[in-house]
Amino acid sequence: MKSRDEFEQMRNESAQKMAQDAGLHREALDVLVKADRHHWIHQTNWFGEPVLQLPQDMFALQEIIFKTRPKFIVEVGVAWGGSLLFYSTLMEALGGGCVVGVDVYIPEDLKKRVGEFGKISERITWVEGSSVEQATLDRIKEIIGNTRAVMIDLDSNHTHEHVLQELRLYSPLVGKGSYLICGDTVVEDIPEQNHRARPWGPGNNPKTALDQFLKENNRFEVDRELGNKLLFTCNPGGYLKCCKD
C-alpha cells in the first residue's frame, strides 16, 4: 500500500497528464454542452435547495475553503440559495466564518427556506442590490470589516463588462492566500446557447473579462494544480489565488 505522500504524488502526476489530454477534454466539453440542453447543472441540491453548479466544482470550492479557512465568503449571485447553504454548512463544520449573499432581488420565501437550518442559517447575511453599485460594495465592506481572509465567488450577470467591473471592484477585498472565483468561464468554450437565450456568449463572457483583468492586475494567479483535477467544470481557469497583498 502506498504512503500518503506517494499517493499524493500519484494523484498530482495523473492530474497533470489528464489536463494535457486534449482529446479527453474535448469529449468532456461535448458532454457538458449536450447535457446543458437538459439543464444538467441545475440538477444538484444542497439541503433541498438547488445549487446551480457542477458537483465537481462544489468539491473544488470545498477544497479551497478547507485549505484557506476564510472568515467571510461573498457570493455574488445567489440564485436559489443552495450554494449559500453549502458554504455556511462548511463554515459551521469548520467552526467559524460567515457568508454574504448578494443579488439584485432576494425573495422573502427564499430567505425563509434558507433560514430554517439553525446555526447554519445564522451564518448568512443577505445584501440586496446590484453587485456593481457603490452602496452594495459599501455594505459588504461594512460586514467584513478589516479582515483580508475573504473568498469571493462571482456568479451573477456574465457579460464581459459586468464581470470585468466586478473583478475590479471585489478583488481588493481578497488578501494574500485567499481566493477569487470567476464563475462560468466555460461560456467562451461552448457554442452559442440557442435553447436558452442569454446576453452573453463566445467573445462576451466571464473568460474574456478574466483575461483582461489578469493583464492589468498582478495580484492573482490561476490555481493550475486545482484546475488540473477538474475534467468537468464550469469555471476553467476561474479559480484565482491571491499571491500578493
Protein backbone atom coordinates (compact mmCIF):
# COMPACT_ATOMS: atom_id res chain seq x y z
CA MET A 1 0.00 0.00 0.00
CA LYS A 2 1.30 3.46 -0.90
CA SER A 3 2.16 6.01 1.76
CA ARG A 4 0.11 9.20 1.84
CA ASP A 5 2.94 11.14 0.21
CA GLU A 6 3.25 8.54 -2.55
CA PHE A 7 -0.50 8.60 -3.11
CA GLU A 8 -0.49 12.40 -3.37
CA GLN A 9 2.38 12.29 -5.85
CA MET A 10 0.48 9.75 -7.95
CA ARG A 11 -2.64 11.91 -7.90
CA ASN A 12 -0.77 15.06 -8.89
CA GLU A 13 1.07 13.36 -11.73
CA SER A 14 -2.15 11.78 -13.01
CA ALA A 15 -4.00 15.10 -12.85
CA GLN A 16 -1.26 16.79 -14.86
CA LYS A 17 -1.47 14.10 -17.53
CA MET A 18 -5.26 14.36 -17.61
CA ALA A 19 -5.03 18.15 -18.01
CA GLN A 20 -2.79 17.61 -21.05
CA ASP A 21 -5.18 15.12 -22.67
CA ALA A 22 -6.79 17.43 -25.22
CA GLY A 23 -8.97 14.71 -26.71
CA LEU A 24 -10.41 13.77 -23.34
CA HIS A 25 -11.18 17.40 -22.58
CA ARG A 26 -12.96 17.84 -25.93
CA GLU A 27 -15.10 14.81 -25.13
CA ALA A 28 -15.89 16.13 -21.63
CA LEU A 29 -16.83 19.53 -23.02
CA ASP A 30 -19.07 17.87 -25.58
CA VAL A 31 -20.86 16.01 -22.78
CA LEU A 32 -21.29 19.28 -20.90
CA VAL A 33 -22.72 21.06 -23.96
CA LYS A 34 -25.15 18.23 -24.77
CA ALA A 35 -26.23 17.78 -21.15
CA ASP A 36 -26.88 21.50 -20.78
CA ARG A 37 -29.86 21.05 -23.11
CA HIS A 38 -31.32 19.06 -20.22
CA HIS A 39 -30.25 21.61 -17.57
CA TRP A 40 -27.66 19.26 -16.10
CA ILE A 41 -26.04 21.93 -13.92
CA HIS A 42 -29.45 22.63 -12.35
CA GLN A 43 -29.92 19.09 -11.03
CA THR A 44 -27.90 19.28 -7.77
CA ASN A 45 -29.41 20.23 -4.39
CA TRP A 46 -27.88 21.09 -1.05
CA PHE A 47 -30.24 20.73 1.92
CA GLY A 48 -33.16 20.76 -0.50
CA GLU A 49 -32.22 23.97 -2.31
CA PRO A 50 -30.90 23.98 -5.90
CA VAL A 51 -27.19 24.62 -6.44
CA LEU A 52 -26.52 25.81 -9.99
CA GLN A 53 -23.05 24.25 -10.04
CA LEU A 54 -21.48 21.01 -11.17
CA PRO A 55 -20.73 18.73 -8.20
CA GLN A 56 -17.03 18.67 -9.13
CA ASP A 57 -16.90 22.47 -8.88
CA MET A 58 -18.59 22.23 -5.48
CA PHE A 59 -15.87 19.82 -4.33
CA ALA A 60 -13.22 22.20 -5.66
CA LEU A 61 -14.76 25.03 -3.65
CA GLN A 62 -14.81 22.78 -0.58
CA GLU A 63 -11.09 22.12 -1.01
CA ILE A 64 -10.39 25.85 -1.20
CA ILE A 65 -12.47 26.57 1.89
CA PHE A 66 -10.88 23.77 3.93
CA LYS A 67 -7.38 24.86 2.91
CA THR A 68 -7.76 28.62 3.36
CA ARG A 69 -10.39 28.87 6.17
CA PRO A 70 -11.91 32.19 5.03
CA LYS A 71 -13.58 34.35 7.63
CA PHE A 72 -16.04 35.53 5.01
CA ILE A 73 -17.32 34.12 1.75
CA VAL A 74 -19.05 36.65 -0.50
CA GLU A 75 -21.23 35.04 -3.16
CA VAL A 76 -22.34 37.44 -5.88
CA GLY A 77 -25.44 35.93 -7.45
CA VAL A 78 -27.32 33.66 -5.02
CA ALA A 79 -29.97 32.21 -7.38
CA TRP A 80 -31.90 29.56 -5.39
CA GLY A 81 -29.71 29.72 -2.28
CA GLY A 82 -28.31 26.19 -2.29
CA SER A 83 -24.71 27.30 -2.61
CA LEU A 84 -25.15 29.72 0.30
CA LEU A 85 -26.29 26.79 2.43
CA PHE A 86 -23.36 24.73 1.13
CA TYR A 87 -20.89 27.42 2.15
CA SER A 88 -22.47 28.03 5.54
CA THR A 89 -22.59 24.28 6.27
CA LEU A 90 -18.85 24.09 5.69
CA MET A 91 -18.29 27.17 7.84
CA GLU A 92 -20.30 25.61 10.66
CA ALA A 93 -18.38 22.32 10.38
CA LEU A 94 -15.06 24.18 10.46
CA GLY A 95 -16.14 26.25 13.45
CA GLY A 96 -16.01 29.78 12.08
CA GLY A 97 -16.81 32.18 9.32
CA CYS A 98 -19.80 33.86 7.71
CA VAL A 99 -21.36 34.00 4.25
CA VAL A 100 -22.64 37.08 2.43
CA GLY A 101 -25.17 36.57 -0.37
CA VAL A 102 -25.51 39.38 -2.90
CA ASP A 103 -28.23 39.66 -5.54
CA VAL A 104 -30.39 42.27 -7.23
CA TYR A 105 -33.52 40.53 -5.95
CA ILE A 106 -33.83 38.17 -2.99
CA PRO A 107 -37.36 36.77 -2.50
CA GLU A 108 -38.66 36.57 1.06
CA ASP A 109 -39.68 32.93 0.60
CA LEU A 110 -36.06 32.13 -0.32
CA LYS A 111 -34.81 33.80 2.84
CA LYS A 112 -37.37 31.82 4.81
CA ARG A 113 -36.38 28.45 3.34
CA VAL A 114 -32.66 29.10 3.70
CA GLY A 115 -33.27 30.40 7.21
CA GLU A 116 -34.63 27.10 8.55
CA PHE A 117 -31.32 25.48 9.48
CA GLY A 118 -30.46 26.99 12.83
CA LYS A 119 -26.81 27.90 13.33
CA ILE A 120 -26.03 27.18 9.70
CA SER A 121 -28.53 29.80 8.55
CA GLU A 122 -27.37 32.30 11.15
CA ARG A 123 -24.02 32.49 9.37
CA ILE A 124 -25.70 34.00 6.27
CA THR A 125 -26.15 37.74 5.67
CA TRP A 126 -28.20 38.95 2.70
CA VAL A 127 -27.34 42.04 0.67
CA GLU A 128 -29.92 43.04 -1.92
CA GLY A 129 -28.72 45.32 -4.69
CA SER A 130 -26.65 45.47 -7.85
CA SER A 131 -23.21 43.99 -7.29
CA VAL A 132 -21.58 46.92 -9.09
CA GLU A 133 -23.32 49.73 -7.21
CA GLN A 134 -21.22 51.59 -4.65
CA ALA A 135 -23.90 51.23 -1.97
CA THR A 136 -23.76 47.44 -2.29
CA LEU A 137 -19.98 47.38 -2.09
CA ASP A 138 -20.04 49.72 0.91
CA ARG A 139 -22.47 47.40 2.70
CA ILE A 140 -20.22 44.39 2.05
CA LYS A 141 -17.19 46.27 3.37
CA GLU A 142 -19.17 47.18 6.47
CA ILE A 143 -19.96 43.50 7.06
CA ILE A 144 -16.47 42.07 6.53
CA GLY A 145 -14.61 44.86 8.30
CA ASN A 146 -10.81 44.87 8.05
CA THR A 147 -10.29 41.14 7.52
CA ARG A 148 -8.45 40.03 4.40
CA ALA A 149 -9.40 36.37 4.80
CA VAL A 150 -12.17 36.72 2.24
CA MET A 151 -13.21 34.39 -0.58
CA ILE A 152 -15.19 35.97 -3.42
CA ASP A 153 -17.38 33.92 -5.78
CA LEU A 154 -18.59 35.93 -8.80
CA ASP A 155 -21.60 34.24 -10.37
CA SER A 156 -24.13 36.84 -11.46
CA ASN A 157 -24.51 38.64 -14.80
CA HIS A 158 -21.98 37.00 -17.13
CA THR A 159 -21.41 39.72 -19.73
CA HIS A 160 -17.83 40.86 -20.27
CA GLU A 161 -18.29 44.40 -18.99
CA HIS A 162 -20.25 43.39 -15.89
CA VAL A 163 -17.80 40.67 -14.84
CA LEU A 164 -14.80 42.90 -15.51
CA GLN A 165 -16.34 45.58 -13.31
CA GLU A 166 -16.97 43.01 -10.57
CA LEU A 167 -13.40 41.73 -10.79
CA ARG A 168 -12.04 45.23 -10.40
CA LEU A 169 -14.39 46.10 -7.53
CA TYR A 170 -14.17 42.92 -5.47
CA SER A 171 -10.55 41.82 -5.97
CA PRO A 172 -9.20 44.40 -3.46
CA LEU A 173 -11.21 42.64 -0.72
CA VAL A 174 -9.19 39.44 -1.16
CA GLY A 175 -5.94 39.10 0.78
CA LYS A 176 -2.84 37.03 0.06
CA GLY A 177 -3.59 33.30 0.16
CA SER A 178 -7.33 33.74 -0.34
CA TYR A 179 -9.32 33.05 -3.48
CA LEU A 180 -11.36 34.89 -6.08
CA ILE A 181 -13.56 32.63 -8.21
CA CYS A 182 -14.76 33.83 -11.60
CA GLY A 183 -17.72 31.64 -12.47
CA ASP A 184 -18.85 30.23 -15.83
CA THR A 185 -15.67 30.91 -17.79
CA VAL A 186 -16.71 27.84 -19.80
CA VAL A 187 -19.06 30.08 -21.80
CA GLU A 188 -16.10 31.03 -24.01
CA ASP A 189 -15.55 27.39 -24.97
CA ILE A 190 -19.10 26.35 -25.85
CA PRO A 191 -21.33 27.20 -28.82
CA GLU A 192 -24.00 29.90 -28.59
CA GLN A 193 -26.84 28.51 -26.47
CA ASN A 194 -29.97 28.73 -28.60
CA HIS A 195 -32.10 26.67 -26.24
CA ARG A 196 -31.93 29.41 -23.58
CA ALA A 197 -31.05 32.85 -24.80
CA ARG A 198 -28.53 34.85 -22.78
CA PRO A 199 -26.96 38.29 -23.30
CA TRP A 200 -23.52 36.63 -23.11
CA GLY A 201 -21.74 34.08 -25.28
CA PRO A 202 -18.42 33.44 -27.05
CA GLY A 203 -16.39 36.66 -27.12
CA ASN A 204 -18.52 38.29 -24.41
CA ASN A 205 -18.37 36.39 -21.13
CA PRO A 206 -16.52 35.87 -17.81
CA LYS A 207 -13.46 34.33 -19.53
CA THR A 208 -12.91 37.33 -21.78
CA ALA A 209 -13.31 39.61 -18.75
CA LEU A 210 -10.93 37.48 -16.70
CA ASP A 211 -8.28 37.52 -19.44
CA GLN A 212 -8.38 41.32 -19.48
CA PHE A 213 -8.36 41.54 -15.69
CA LEU A 214 -5.26 39.34 -15.38
CA LYS A 215 -3.41 41.57 -17.83
CA GLU A 216 -3.99 44.61 -15.63
CA ASN A 217 -3.75 43.01 -12.16
CA ASN A 218 -0.71 41.04 -10.99
CA ARG A 219 -2.06 40.09 -7.56
CA PHE A 220 -3.75 36.89 -8.74
CA GLU A 221 -2.69 33.67 -10.42
CA VAL A 222 -4.75 30.79 -11.75
CA ASP A 223 -4.61 27.73 -9.50
CA ARG A 224 -3.46 25.24 -12.13
CA GLU A 225 -2.98 22.40 -9.66
CA LEU A 226 -6.63 22.59 -8.68
CA GLY A 227 -7.75 23.08 -12.26
CA ASN A 228 -5.84 20.03 -13.45
CA LYS A 229 -8.19 17.81 -11.44
CA LEU A 230 -11.41 19.19 -12.88
CA LEU A 231 -12.35 17.29 -16.00
CA PHE A 232 -15.93 18.59 -15.73
CA THR A 233 -16.05 22.24 -14.67
CA CYS A 234 -17.97 25.40 -15.44
CA ASN A 235 -15.04 27.51 -14.25
CA PRO A 236 -11.92 26.50 -16.25
CA GLY A 237 -9.12 28.86 -15.30
CA GLY A 238 -11.51 30.69 -13.00
CA TYR A 239 -10.04 29.64 -9.64
CA LEU A 240 -7.69 32.51 -8.77
CA LYS A 241 -5.36 32.57 -5.77
CA CYS A 242 -4.22 35.93 -4.43
CA CYS A 243 -0.42 35.92 -4.39
CA LYS A 244 0.25 39.50 -3.26
CA ASP A 245 -1.20 41.78 -0.60
